[in-house]
PDB file of N, CA and C in Angstrom:
ATOM      1  N   UNK A   1     -99.991  72.608  80.997  1.00  0.00           N
ATOM      2  CA  UNK A   1     -98.814  73.381  80.648  1.00  0.00           C
ATOM      3  C   UNK A   1     -98.914  74.786  81.221  1.00  0.00           C
ATOM      4  N   UNK A   2    -100.092  75.418  81.107  1.00  0.00           N
ATOM      5  CA  UNK A   2    -100.258  76.770  81.618  1.00  0.00           C
ATOM      6  C   UNK A   2    -100.094  76.799  83.137  1.00  0.00           C
ATOM      7  N   UNK A   3    -100.601  75.763  83.820  1.00  0.00           N
ATOM      8  CA  UNK A   3    -100.448  75.705  85.276  1.00  0.00           C
ATOM      9  C   UNK A   3     -98.984  75.606  85.672  1.00  0.00           C
ATOM     10  N   UNK A   4     -98.207  74.873  84.905  1.00  0.00           N
ATOM     11  CA  UNK A   4     -96.782  74.746  85.187  1.00  0.00           C
ATOM     12  C   UNK A   4     -96.077  76.092  85.013  1.00  0.00           C
ATOM     13  N   UNK A   5     -96.456  76.813  83.974  1.00  0.00           N
ATOM     14  CA  UNK A   5     -95.852  78.123  83.732  1.00  0.00           C
ATOM     15  C   UNK A   5     -96.204  79.088  84.859  1.00  0.00           C
ATOM     16  N   UNK A   6     -97.440  79.046  85.310  1.00  0.00           N
ATOM     17  CA  UNK A   6     -97.862  79.911  86.408  1.00  0.00           C
ATOM     18  C   UNK A   6     -97.110  79.555  87.697  1.00  0.00           C
ATOM     19  N   UNK A   7     -96.934  78.276  87.949  1.00  0.00           N
ATOM     20  CA  UNK A   7     -96.205  77.839  89.139  1.00  0.00           C
ATOM     21  C   UNK A   7     -94.750  78.292  89.073  1.00  0.00           C
ATOM     22  N   UNK A   8     -94.147  78.195  87.896  1.00  0.00           N
ATOM     23  CA  UNK A   8     -92.768  78.654  87.718  1.00  0.00           C
ATOM     24  C   UNK A   8     -92.655  80.148  87.982  1.00  0.00           C
ATOM     25  N   UNK A   9     -93.582  80.917  87.422  1.00  0.00           N
ATOM     26  CA  UNK A   9     -93.559  82.366  87.623  1.00  0.00           C
ATOM     27  C   UNK A   9     -93.680  82.735  89.098  1.00  0.00           C
ATOM     28  N   UNK A  10     -94.537  82.035  89.830  1.00  0.00           N
ATOM     29  CA  UNK A  10     -94.687  82.302  91.260  1.00  0.00           C
ATOM     30  C   UNK A  10     -93.409  81.955  92.013  1.00  0.00           C
ATOM     31  N   UNK A  11     -92.787  80.844  91.680  1.00  0.00           N
ATOM     32  CA  UNK A  11     -91.538  80.446  92.325  1.00  0.00           C
ATOM     33  C   UNK A  11     -90.423  81.421  91.972  1.00  0.00           C
ATOM     34  N   UNK A  12     -90.374  81.852  90.739  1.00  0.00           N
ATOM     35  CA  UNK A  12     -89.334  82.780  90.294  1.00  0.00           C
ATOM     36  C   UNK A  12     -89.407  84.087  91.065  1.00  0.00           C
ATOM     37  N   UNK A  13     -90.603  84.505  91.424  1.00  0.00           N
ATOM     38  CA  UNK A  13     -90.751  85.743  92.187  1.00  0.00           C
ATOM     39  C   UNK A  13     -90.051  85.644  93.535  1.00  0.00           C
ATOM     40  N   UNK A  14     -90.044  84.458  94.135  1.00  0.00           N
ATOM     41  CA  UNK A  14     -89.465  84.291  95.464  1.00  0.00           C
ATOM     42  C   UNK A  14     -87.978  83.947  95.419  1.00  0.00           C
ATOM     43  N   UNK A  15     -87.486  83.437  94.320  1.00  0.00           N
ATOM     44  CA  UNK A  15     -86.094  83.021  94.244  1.00  0.00           C
ATOM     45  C   UNK A  15     -85.245  83.950  93.397  1.00  0.00           C
ATOM     46  N   UNK A  16     -85.811  85.007  92.918  1.00  0.00           N
ATOM     47  CA  UNK A  16     -85.120  85.951  92.056  1.00  0.00           C
ATOM     48  C   UNK A  16     -83.983  86.643  92.811  1.00  0.00           C
ATOM     49  N   UNK A  17     -82.888  86.863  92.129  1.00  0.00           N
ATOM     50  CA  UNK A  17     -81.761  87.578  92.691  1.00  0.00           C
ATOM     51  C   UNK A  17     -82.211  88.986  93.078  1.00  0.00           C
ATOM     52  N   UNK A  18     -81.910  89.439  94.302  1.00  0.00           N
ATOM     53  CA  UNK A  18     -82.364  90.773  94.729  1.00  0.00           C
ATOM     54  C   UNK A  18     -81.880  91.899  93.816  1.00  0.00           C
ATOM     55  N   UNK A  19     -80.663  91.811  93.318  1.00  0.00           N
ATOM     56  CA  UNK A  19     -80.155  92.851  92.424  1.00  0.00           C
ATOM     57  C   UNK A  19     -80.938  92.866  91.115  1.00  0.00           C
ATOM     58  N   UNK A  20     -81.292  91.700  90.637  1.00  0.00           N
ATOM     59  CA  UNK A  20     -82.089  91.609  89.415  1.00  0.00           C
ATOM     60  C   UNK A  20     -83.478  92.207  89.641  1.00  0.00           C
ATOM     61  N   UNK A  21     -84.036  91.949  90.807  1.00  0.00           N
ATOM     62  CA  UNK A  21     -85.357  92.497  91.115  1.00  0.00           C
ATOM     63  C   UNK A  21     -85.289  94.019  91.222  1.00  0.00           C
ATOM     64  N   UNK A  22     -84.269  94.534  91.902  1.00  0.00           N
ATOM     65  CA  UNK A  22     -84.106  95.979  92.015  1.00  0.00           C
ATOM     66  C   UNK A  22     -83.945  96.617  90.644  1.00  0.00           C
ATOM     67  N   UNK A  23     -83.129  95.992  89.803  1.00  0.00           N
ATOM     68  CA  UNK A  23     -82.926  96.490  88.445  1.00  0.00           C
ATOM     69  C   UNK A  23     -84.238  96.513  87.674  1.00  0.00           C
ATOM     70  N   UNK A  24     -84.993  95.447  87.792  1.00  0.00           N
ATOM     71  CA  UNK A  24     -86.272  95.340  87.094  1.00  0.00           C
ATOM     72  C   UNK A  24     -87.250  96.423  87.560  1.00  0.00           C
ATOM     73  N   UNK A  25     -87.293  96.683  88.853  1.00  0.00           N
ATOM     74  CA  UNK A  25     -88.186  97.714  89.378  1.00  0.00           C
ATOM     75  C   UNK A  25     -87.768  99.111  88.921  1.00  0.00           C
ATOM     76  N   UNK A  26     -86.469  99.356  88.876  1.00  0.00           N
ATOM     77  CA  UNK A  26     -85.985 100.651  88.391  1.00  0.00           C
ATOM     78  C   UNK A  26     -86.321 100.846  86.916  1.00  0.00           C
ATOM     79  N   UNK A  27     -86.170  99.792  86.127  1.00  0.00           N
ATOM     80  CA  UNK A  27     -86.517  99.861  84.698  1.00  0.00           C
ATOM     81  C   UNK A  27     -88.018 100.100  84.540  1.00  0.00           C
ATOM     82  N   UNK A  28     -88.810  99.419  85.351  1.00  0.00           N
ATOM     83  CA  UNK A  28     -90.265  99.608  85.301  1.00  0.00           C
ATOM     84  C   UNK A  28     -90.616 101.062  85.594  1.00  0.00           C
ATOM     85  N   UNK A  29     -90.005 101.626  86.627  1.00  0.00           N
ATOM     86  CA  UNK A  29     -90.279 103.009  86.987  1.00  0.00           C
ATOM     87  C   UNK A  29     -89.818 103.961  85.888  1.00  0.00           C
ATOM     88  N   UNK A  30     -88.624 103.733  85.360  1.00  0.00           N
ATOM     89  CA  UNK A  30     -88.112 104.585  84.278  1.00  0.00           C
ATOM     90  C   UNK A  30     -89.029 104.520  83.064  1.00  0.00           C
ATOM     91  N   UNK A  31     -89.527 103.341  82.754  1.00  0.00           N
ATOM     92  CA  UNK A  31     -90.421 103.176  81.596  1.00  0.00           C
ATOM     93  C   UNK A  31     -91.730 103.927  81.799  1.00  0.00           C
ATOM     94  N   UNK A  32     -92.261 103.866  83.000  1.00  0.00           N
ATOM     95  CA  UNK A  32     -93.502 104.596  83.293  1.00  0.00           C
ATOM     96  C   UNK A  32     -93.286 106.100  83.147  1.00  0.00           C
ATOM     97  N   UNK A  33     -92.172 106.588  83.695  1.00  0.00           N
ATOM     98  CA  UNK A  33     -91.869 108.014  83.598  1.00  0.00           C
ATOM     99  C   UNK A  33     -91.603 108.426  82.152  1.00  0.00           C
ATOM    100  N   UNK A  34     -90.924 107.560  81.396  1.00  0.00           N
ATOM    101  CA  UNK A  34     -90.656 107.847  79.985  1.00  0.00           C
ATOM    102  C   UNK A  34     -91.966 107.927  79.200  1.00  0.00           C
ATOM    103  N   UNK A  35     -92.894 107.046  79.517  1.00  0.00           N
ATOM    104  CA  UNK A  35     -94.199 107.078  78.854  1.00  0.00           C
ATOM    105  C   UNK A  35     -94.932 108.384  79.102  1.00  0.00           C
ATOM    106  N   UNK A  36     -94.843 108.899  80.308  1.00  0.00           N
ATOM    107  CA  UNK A  36     -95.469 110.194  80.629  1.00  0.00           C
ATOM    108  C   UNK A  36     -94.799 111.298  79.819  1.00  0.00           C
ATOM    109  N   UNK A  37     -93.474 111.266  79.805  1.00  0.00           N
ATOM    110  CA  UNK A  37     -92.723 112.299  79.076  1.00  0.00           C
ATOM    111  C   UNK A  37     -93.036 112.240  77.577  1.00  0.00           C
ATOM    112  N   UNK A  38     -93.055 111.038  77.017  1.00  0.00           N
ATOM    113  CA  UNK A  38     -93.283 110.869  75.578  1.00  0.00           C
ATOM    114  C   UNK A  38     -94.697 111.243  75.153  1.00  0.00           C
ATOM    115  N   UNK A  39     -95.643 111.079  76.052  1.00  0.00           N
ATOM    116  CA  UNK A  39     -97.050 111.350  75.740  1.00  0.00           C
ATOM    117  C   UNK A  39     -97.567 112.507  76.580  1.00  0.00           C
ATOM    118  N   UNK A  40     -96.761 113.513  76.715  1.00  0.00           N
ATOM    119  CA  UNK A  40     -97.062 114.635  77.600  1.00  0.00           C
ATOM    120  C   UNK A  40     -98.422 115.261  77.311  1.00  0.00           C
ATOM    121  N   UNK A  41     -98.739 115.460  76.054  1.00  0.00           N
ATOM    122  CA  UNK A  41    -100.004 116.112  75.698  1.00  0.00           C
ATOM    123  C   UNK A  41    -101.223 115.261  76.029  1.00  0.00           C
ATOM    124  N   UNK A  42    -101.018 113.958  76.192  1.00  0.00           N
ATOM    125  CA  UNK A  42    -102.126 113.044  76.448  1.00  0.00           C
ATOM    126  C   UNK A  42    -102.183 112.593  77.902  1.00  0.00           C
ATOM    127  N   UNK A  43    -101.350 113.169  78.749  1.00  0.00           N
ATOM    128  CA  UNK A  43    -101.244 112.654  80.115  1.00  0.00           C
ATOM    129  C   UNK A  43    -102.525 112.842  80.907  1.00  0.00           C
ATOM    130  N   UNK A  44    -102.697 111.953  81.818  1.00  0.00           N
ATOM    131  CA  UNK A  44    -103.843 112.036  82.720  1.00  0.00           C
ATOM    132  C   UNK A  44    -103.277 112.049  84.143  1.00  0.00           C
ATOM    133  N   UNK A  45    -103.827 111.255  84.999  1.00  0.00           N
ATOM    134  CA  UNK A  45    -103.323 111.157  86.375  1.00  0.00           C
ATOM    135  C   UNK A  45    -102.158 110.186  86.489  1.00  0.00           C
ATOM    136  N   UNK A  46    -101.669 109.690  85.359  1.00  0.00           N
ATOM    137  CA  UNK A  46    -100.577 108.718  85.368  1.00  0.00           C
ATOM    138  C   UNK A  46     -99.300 109.285  85.969  1.00  0.00           C
ATOM    139  N   UNK A  47     -99.057 110.567  85.800  1.00  0.00           N
ATOM    140  CA  UNK A  47     -97.825 111.174  86.308  1.00  0.00           C
ATOM    141  C   UNK A  47     -97.748 111.043  87.823  1.00  0.00           C
ATOM    142  N   UNK A  48     -98.818 111.323  88.506  1.00  0.00           N
ATOM    143  CA  UNK A  48     -98.825 111.212  89.962  1.00  0.00           C
ATOM    144  C   UNK A  48     -98.561 109.801  90.436  1.00  0.00           C
ATOM    145  N   UNK A  49     -99.187 108.835  89.785  1.00  0.00           N
ATOM    146  CA  UNK A  49     -98.984 107.433  90.156  1.00  0.00           C
ATOM    147  C   UNK A  49     -97.555 106.986  89.858  1.00  0.00           C
ATOM    148  N   UNK A  50     -97.020 107.390  88.720  1.00  0.00           N
ATOM    149  CA  UNK A  50     -95.652 107.008  88.343  1.00  0.00           C
ATOM    150  C   UNK A  50     -94.640 107.633  89.295  1.00  0.00           C
ATOM    151  N   UNK A  51     -94.853 108.886  89.657  1.00  0.00           N
ATOM    152  CA  UNK A  51     -93.943 109.546  90.602  1.00  0.00           C
ATOM    153  C   UNK A  51     -94.033 108.926  91.988  1.00  0.00           C
ATOM    154  N   UNK A  52     -95.220 108.548  92.397  1.00  0.00           N
ATOM    155  CA  UNK A  52     -95.379 107.907  93.698  1.00  0.00           C
ATOM    156  C   UNK A  52     -94.666 106.555  93.722  1.00  0.00           C
ATOM    157  N   UNK A  53     -94.804 105.785  92.648  1.00  0.00           N
ATOM    158  CA  UNK A  53     -94.118 104.498  92.552  1.00  0.00           C
ATOM    159  C   UNK A  53     -92.616 104.707  92.656  1.00  0.00           C
ATOM    160  N   UNK A  54     -92.087 105.678  91.923  1.00  0.00           N
ATOM    161  CA  UNK A  54     -90.654 105.950  91.933  1.00  0.00           C
ATOM    162  C   UNK A  54     -90.201 106.408  93.325  1.00  0.00           C
ATOM    163  N   UNK A  55     -90.964 107.278  93.942  1.00  0.00           N
ATOM    164  CA  UNK A  55     -90.614 107.775  95.275  1.00  0.00           C
ATOM    165  C   UNK A  55     -90.621 106.641  96.297  1.00  0.00           C
ATOM    166  N   UNK A  56     -91.616 105.769  96.250  1.00  0.00           N
ATOM    167  CA  UNK A  56     -91.668 104.632  97.170  1.00  0.00           C
ATOM    168  C   UNK A  56     -90.480 103.702  96.950  1.00  0.00           C
ATOM    169  N   UNK A  57     -90.162 103.465  95.696  1.00  0.00           N
ATOM    170  CA  UNK A  57     -89.029 102.610  95.358  1.00  0.00           C
ATOM    171  C   UNK A  57     -87.737 103.169  95.956  1.00  0.00           C
ATOM    172  N   UNK A  58     -87.509 104.454  95.759  1.00  0.00           N
ATOM    173  CA  UNK A  58     -86.293 105.079  96.280  1.00  0.00           C
ATOM    174  C   UNK A  58     -86.317 105.181  97.800  1.00  0.00           C
ATOM    175  N   UNK A  59     -87.476 105.305  98.394  1.00  0.00           N
ATOM    176  CA  UNK A  59     -87.577 105.302  99.855  1.00  0.00           C
ATOM    177  C   UNK A  59     -87.138 103.950 100.394  1.00  0.00           C
ATOM    178  N   UNK A  60     -87.571 102.892  99.748  1.00  0.00           N
ATOM    179  CA  UNK A  60     -87.165 101.540 100.161  1.00  0.00           C
ATOM    180  C   UNK A  60     -85.657 101.370  99.986  1.00  0.00           C
ATOM    181  N   UNK A  61     -85.127 101.805  98.850  1.00  0.00           N
ATOM    182  CA  UNK A  61     -83.684 101.686  98.608  1.00  0.00           C
ATOM    183  C   UNK A  61     -82.885 102.403  99.693  1.00  0.00           C
ATOM    184  N   UNK A  62     -83.213 103.665  99.917  1.00  0.00           N
ATOM    185  CA  UNK A  62     -82.413 104.456 100.858  1.00  0.00           C
ATOM    186  C   UNK A  62     -82.562 103.931 102.285  1.00  0.00           C
ATOM    187  N   UNK A  63     -83.733 103.465 102.638  1.00  0.00           N
ATOM    188  CA  UNK A  63     -83.934 102.900 103.972  1.00  0.00           C
ATOM    189  C   UNK A  63     -83.108 101.628 104.149  1.00  0.00           C
ATOM    190  N   UNK A  64     -83.112 100.786 103.145  1.00  0.00           N
ATOM    191  CA  UNK A  64     -82.359  99.537 103.199  1.00  0.00           C
ATOM    192  C   UNK A  64     -80.854  99.777 103.213  1.00  0.00           C
ATOM    193  N   UNK A  65     -80.408 100.663 102.360  1.00  0.00           N
ATOM    194  CA  UNK A  65     -78.976 100.904 102.204  1.00  0.00           C
ATOM    195  C   UNK A  65     -78.367 101.578 103.430  1.00  0.00           C
ATOM    196  N   UNK A  66     -79.116 102.427 104.094  1.00  0.00           N
ATOM    197  CA  UNK A  66     -78.555 103.180 105.209  1.00  0.00           C
ATOM    198  C   UNK A  66     -78.694 102.474 106.559  1.00  0.00           C
ATOM    199  N   UNK A  67     -79.218 101.276 106.549  1.00  0.00           N
ATOM    200  CA  UNK A  67     -79.305 100.502 107.797  1.00  0.00           C
ATOM    201  C   UNK A  67     -77.899 100.151 108.274  1.00  0.00           C
ATOM    202  N   UNK A  68     -77.739 100.090 109.570  1.00  0.00           N
ATOM    203  CA  UNK A  68     -76.427  99.764 110.151  1.00  0.00           C
ATOM    204  C   UNK A  68     -75.915  98.403 109.728  1.00  0.00           C
ATOM    205  N   UNK A  69     -76.823  97.454 109.527  1.00  0.00           N
ATOM    206  CA  UNK A  69     -76.385  96.099 109.183  1.00  0.00           C
ATOM    207  C   UNK A  69     -76.178  95.890 107.677  1.00  0.00           C
ATOM    208  N   UNK A  70     -76.338  96.945 106.885  1.00  0.00           N
ATOM    209  CA  UNK A  70     -76.099  96.826 105.444  1.00  0.00           C
ATOM    210  C   UNK A  70     -74.593  96.771 105.213  1.00  0.00           C
ATOM    211  N   UNK A  71     -74.109  95.751 104.473  1.00  0.00           N
ATOM    212  CA  UNK A  71     -72.667  95.555 104.316  1.00  0.00           C
ATOM    213  C   UNK A  71     -71.989  96.462 103.279  1.00  0.00           C
ATOM    214  N   UNK A  72     -72.733  97.285 102.592  1.00  0.00           N
ATOM    215  CA  UNK A  72     -72.121  98.144 101.580  1.00  0.00           C
ATOM    216  C   UNK A  72     -71.146  99.134 102.228  1.00  0.00           C
ATOM    217  N   UNK A  73     -70.112  99.504 101.488  1.00  0.00           N
ATOM    218  CA  UNK A  73     -69.184 100.515 102.005  1.00  0.00           C
ATOM    219  C   UNK A  73     -69.900 101.843 102.238  1.00  0.00           C
ATOM    220  N   UNK A  74     -69.410 102.601 103.203  1.00  0.00           N
ATOM    221  CA  UNK A  74     -70.019 103.870 103.581  1.00  0.00           C
ATOM    222  C   UNK A  74     -70.143 104.820 102.391  1.00  0.00           C
ATOM    223  N   UNK A  75     -69.141 104.850 101.528  1.00  0.00           N
ATOM    224  CA  UNK A  75     -69.178 105.744 100.367  1.00  0.00           C
ATOM    225  C   UNK A  75     -70.365 105.435  99.456  1.00  0.00           C
ATOM    226  N   UNK A  76     -70.629 104.167  99.223  1.00  0.00           N
ATOM    227  CA  UNK A  76     -71.765 103.774  98.380  1.00  0.00           C
ATOM    228  C   UNK A  76     -73.076 104.107  99.077  1.00  0.00           C
ATOM    229  N   UNK A  77     -73.141 103.845 100.372  1.00  0.00           N
ATOM    230  CA  UNK A  77     -74.344 104.207 101.128  1.00  0.00           C
ATOM    231  C   UNK A  77     -74.627 105.699 100.998  1.00  0.00           C
ATOM    232  N   UNK A  78     -73.589 106.508 101.159  1.00  0.00           N
ATOM    233  CA  UNK A  78     -73.757 107.960 101.061  1.00  0.00           C
ATOM    234  C   UNK A  78     -74.173 108.386  99.661  1.00  0.00           C
ATOM    235  N   UNK A  79     -73.588 107.759  98.646  1.00  0.00           N
ATOM    236  CA  UNK A  79     -73.957 108.091  97.266  1.00  0.00           C
ATOM    237  C   UNK A  79     -75.424 107.787  96.992  1.00  0.00           C
ATOM    238  N   UNK A  80     -75.896 106.653  97.464  1.00  0.00           N
ATOM    239  CA  UNK A  80     -77.294 106.284  97.245  1.00  0.00           C
ATOM    240  C   UNK A  80     -78.214 107.217  98.027  1.00  0.00           C
ATOM    241  N   UNK A  81     -77.818 107.566  99.246  1.00  0.00           N
ATOM    242  CA  UNK A  81     -78.624 108.503 100.036  1.00  0.00           C
ATOM    243  C   UNK A  81     -78.688 109.864  99.336  1.00  0.00           C
ATOM    244  N   UNK A  82     -77.574 110.311  98.770  1.00  0.00           N
ATOM    245  CA  UNK A  82     -77.563 111.584  98.041  1.00  0.00           C
ATOM    246  C   UNK A  82     -78.424 111.520  96.786  1.00  0.00           C
ATOM    247  N   UNK A  83     -78.350 110.404  96.075  1.00  0.00           N
ATOM    248  CA  UNK A  83     -79.201 110.229  94.892  1.00  0.00           C
ATOM    249  C   UNK A  83     -80.675 110.256  95.285  1.00  0.00           C
ATOM    250  N   UNK A  84     -81.009 109.585  96.370  1.00  0.00           N
ATOM    251  CA  UNK A  84     -82.399 109.570  96.834  1.00  0.00           C
ATOM    252  C   UNK A  84     -82.860 110.985  97.165  1.00  0.00           C
ATOM    253  N   UNK A  85     -82.006 111.758  97.829  1.00  0.00           N
ATOM    254  CA  UNK A  85     -82.347 113.147  98.127  1.00  0.00           C
ATOM    255  C   UNK A  85     -82.614 113.945  96.867  1.00  0.00           C
ATOM    256  N   UNK A  86     -81.785 113.723  95.846  1.00  0.00           N
ATOM    257  CA  UNK A  86     -81.981 114.401  94.568  1.00  0.00           C
ATOM    258  C   UNK A  86     -83.289 113.958  93.914  1.00  0.00           C
ATOM    259  N   UNK A  87     -83.566 112.657  93.950  1.00  0.00           N
ATOM    260  CA  UNK A  87     -84.814 112.112  93.382  1.00  0.00           C
ATOM    261  C   UNK A  87     -86.018 112.774  94.057  1.00  0.00           C
ATOM    262  N   UNK A  88     -85.985 112.845  95.378  1.00  0.00           N
ATOM    263  CA  UNK A  88     -87.111 113.440  96.111  1.00  0.00           C
ATOM    264  C   UNK A  88     -87.257 114.922  95.774  1.00  0.00           C
ATOM    265  N   UNK A  89     -86.145 115.618  95.660  1.00  0.00           N
ATOM    266  CA  UNK A  89     -86.172 117.043  95.314  1.00  0.00           C
ATOM    267  C   UNK A  89     -86.737 117.261  93.909  1.00  0.00           C
ATOM    268  N   UNK A  90     -86.291 116.459  92.951  1.00  0.00           N
ATOM    269  CA  UNK A  90     -86.789 116.567  91.577  1.00  0.00           C
ATOM    270  C   UNK A  90     -88.279 116.243  91.499  1.00  0.00           C
ATOM    271  N   UNK A  91     -88.698 115.278  92.288  1.00  0.00           N
ATOM    272  CA  UNK A  91     -90.112 114.903  92.316  1.00  0.00           C
ATOM    273  C   UNK A  91     -90.960 116.072  92.812  1.00  0.00           C
ATOM    274  N   UNK A  92     -90.515 116.704  93.897  1.00  0.00           N
ATOM    275  CA  UNK A  92     -91.238 117.867  94.418  1.00  0.00           C
ATOM    276  C   UNK A  92     -91.248 119.013  93.416  1.00  0.00           C
ATOM    277  N   UNK A  93     -90.129 119.228  92.752  1.00  0.00           N
ATOM    278  CA  UNK A  93     -90.043 120.279  91.740  1.00  0.00           C
ATOM    279  C   UNK A  93     -91.036 120.018  90.605  1.00  0.00           C
ATOM    280  N   UNK A  94     -91.118 118.766  90.181  1.00  0.00           N
ATOM    281  CA  UNK A  94     -92.062 118.409  89.117  1.00  0.00           C
ATOM    282  C   UNK A  94     -93.491 118.628  89.574  1.00  0.00           C
ATOM    283  N   UNK A  95     -93.793 118.217  90.800  1.00  0.00           N
ATOM    284  CA  UNK A  95     -95.161 118.358  91.297  1.00  0.00           C
ATOM    285  C   UNK A  95     -95.558 119.823  91.445  1.00  0.00           C
ATOM    286  N   UNK A  96     -94.598 120.666  91.801  1.00  0.00           N
ATOM    287  CA  UNK A  96     -94.886 122.092  91.951  1.00  0.00           C
ATOM    288  C   UNK A  96     -95.085 122.780  90.611  1.00  0.00           C
ATOM    289  N   UNK A  97     -94.344 122.335  89.612  1.00  0.00           N
ATOM    290  CA  UNK A  97     -94.416 122.949  88.288  1.00  0.00           C
ATOM    291  C   UNK A  97     -94.147 121.875  87.233  1.00  0.00           C
ATOM    292  N   UNK A  98     -95.166 121.088  86.878  1.00  0.00           N
ATOM    293  CA  UNK A  98     -94.968 119.973  85.951  1.00  0.00           C
ATOM    294  C   UNK A  98     -94.431 120.406  84.584  1.00  0.00           C
ATOM    295  N   UNK A  99     -93.380 119.715  84.156  1.00  0.00           N
ATOM    296  CA  UNK A  99     -92.796 119.938  82.834  1.00  0.00           C
ATOM    297  C   UNK A  99     -92.101 118.639  82.432  1.00  0.00           C
ATOM    298  N   UNK A 100     -92.286 118.207  81.190  1.00  0.00           N
ATOM    299  CA  UNK A 100     -91.735 116.908  80.780  1.00  0.00           C
ATOM    300  C   UNK A 100     -90.225 116.799  80.938  1.00  0.00           C
ATOM    301  N   UNK A 101     -89.499 117.897  80.736  1.00  0.00           N
ATOM    302  CA  UNK A 101     -88.039 117.829  80.831  1.00  0.00           C
ATOM    303  C   UNK A 101     -87.560 117.555  82.257  1.00  0.00           C
ATOM    304  N   UNK A 102     -88.407 117.803  83.244  1.00  0.00           N
ATOM    305  CA  UNK A 102     -88.031 117.520  84.627  1.00  0.00           C
ATOM    306  C   UNK A 102     -87.993 116.026  84.924  1.00  0.00           C
ATOM    307  N   UNK A 103     -88.558 115.231  84.038  1.00  0.00           N
ATOM    308  CA  UNK A 103     -88.537 113.781  84.221  1.00  0.00           C
ATOM    309  C   UNK A 103     -87.242 113.147  83.712  1.00  0.00           C
ATOM    310  N   UNK A 104     -86.517 113.865  82.880  1.00  0.00           N
ATOM    311  CA  UNK A 104     -85.326 113.316  82.226  1.00  0.00           C
ATOM    312  C   UNK A 104     -84.306 112.790  83.231  1.00  0.00           C
ATOM    313  N   UNK A 105     -83.996 113.564  84.254  1.00  0.00           N
ATOM    314  CA  UNK A 105     -82.986 113.126  85.220  1.00  0.00           C
ATOM    315  C   UNK A 105     -83.473 111.917  86.017  1.00  0.00           C
ATOM    316  N   UNK A 106     -84.751 111.874  86.373  1.00  0.00           N
ATOM    317  CA  UNK A 106     -85.287 110.723  87.094  1.00  0.00           C
ATOM    318  C   UNK A 106     -85.178 109.457  86.251  1.00  0.00           C
ATOM    319  N   UNK A 107     -85.510 109.579  84.989  1.00  0.00           N
ATOM    320  CA  UNK A 107     -85.448 108.448  84.063  1.00  0.00           C
ATOM    321  C   UNK A 107     -84.003 107.982  83.906  1.00  0.00           C
ATOM    322  N   UNK A 108     -83.102 108.917  83.694  1.00  0.00           N
ATOM    323  CA  UNK A 108     -81.687 108.578  83.481  1.00  0.00           C
ATOM    324  C   UNK A 108     -81.069 107.904  84.694  1.00  0.00           C
ATOM    325  N   UNK A 109     -81.333 108.438  85.867  1.00  0.00           N
ATOM    326  CA  UNK A 109     -80.772 107.842  87.093  1.00  0.00           C
ATOM    327  C   UNK A 109     -81.276 106.420  87.263  1.00  0.00           C
ATOM    328  N   UNK A 110     -82.573 106.221  87.097  1.00  0.00           N
ATOM    329  CA  UNK A 110     -83.122 104.860  87.242  1.00  0.00           C
ATOM    330  C   UNK A 110     -82.492 103.900  86.248  1.00  0.00           C
ATOM    331  N   UNK A 111     -82.350 104.327  85.013  1.00  0.00           N
ATOM    332  CA  UNK A 111     -81.756 103.456  83.991  1.00  0.00           C
ATOM    333  C   UNK A 111     -80.300 103.143  84.292  1.00  0.00           C
ATOM    334  N   UNK A 112     -79.543 104.144  84.718  1.00  0.00           N
ATOM    335  CA  UNK A 112     -78.124 103.937  84.994  1.00  0.00           C
ATOM    336  C   UNK A 112     -77.911 103.005  86.196  1.00  0.00           C
ATOM    337  N   UNK A 113     -78.678 103.220  87.241  1.00  0.00           N
ATOM    338  CA  UNK A 113     -78.556 102.345  88.420  1.00  0.00           C
ATOM    339  C   UNK A 113     -78.991 100.922  88.053  1.00  0.00           C
ATOM    340  N   UNK A 114     -80.058 100.802  87.270  1.00  0.00           N
ATOM    341  CA  UNK A 114     -80.527  99.469  86.852  1.00  0.00           C
ATOM    342  C   UNK A 114     -79.454  98.766  86.033  1.00  0.00           C
ATOM    343  N   UNK A 115     -78.799  99.493  85.145  1.00  0.00           N
ATOM    344  CA  UNK A 115     -77.743  98.898  84.329  1.00  0.00           C
ATOM    345  C   UNK A 115     -76.588  98.434  85.206  1.00  0.00           C
ATOM    346  N   UNK A 116     -76.235  99.229  86.197  1.00  0.00           N
ATOM    347  CA  UNK A 116     -75.169  98.833  87.120  1.00  0.00           C
ATOM    348  C   UNK A 116     -75.533  97.609  87.933  1.00  0.00           C
ATOM    349  N   UNK A 117     -76.768  97.535  88.359  1.00  0.00           N
ATOM    350  CA  UNK A 117     -77.210  96.375  89.150  1.00  0.00           C
ATOM    351  C   UNK A 117     -77.238  95.102  88.300  1.00  0.00           C
ATOM    352  N   UNK A 118     -77.645  95.229  87.064  1.00  0.00           N
ATOM    353  CA  UNK A 118     -77.743  94.037  86.218  1.00  0.00           C
ATOM    354  C   UNK A 118     -76.378  93.561  85.734  1.00  0.00           C
ATOM    355  N   UNK A 119     -75.365  94.430  85.763  1.00  0.00           N
ATOM    356  CA  UNK A 119     -74.038  94.009  85.313  1.00  0.00           C
ATOM    357  C   UNK A 119     -73.182  93.474  86.451  1.00  0.00           C
ATOM    358  N   UNK A 120     -73.669  93.647  87.692  1.00  0.00           N
ATOM    359  CA  UNK A 120     -72.848  93.188  88.827  1.00  0.00           C
ATOM    360  C   UNK A 120     -73.124  91.748  89.168  1.00  0.00           C
TER     361      UNK A 120
END
């Protein structure tokens, strides 16, 4: 039974809807950032790893969305590129002067985009 469950999980990883996967990754990133914010006094090197994960995720999104062969309308492409720019700017601001409230916008954006992806 356990082998069957493991096989299903492996297959599900390859057949998962891309929007569902993107939503899941955004939620994962938001949760990691929320954990840092909620446990600010106890933080260790987790903030750097969580920010790097979020930055890589958004780098992949913006690279994919802005490709010429991406079928999304130009307005949506531009909106995502602008959001990515804001994400990168906020990340740098946090790294220069860490403060838990600087994570709020990153968390909110990830959650909102994830909610939009899961409802489409």
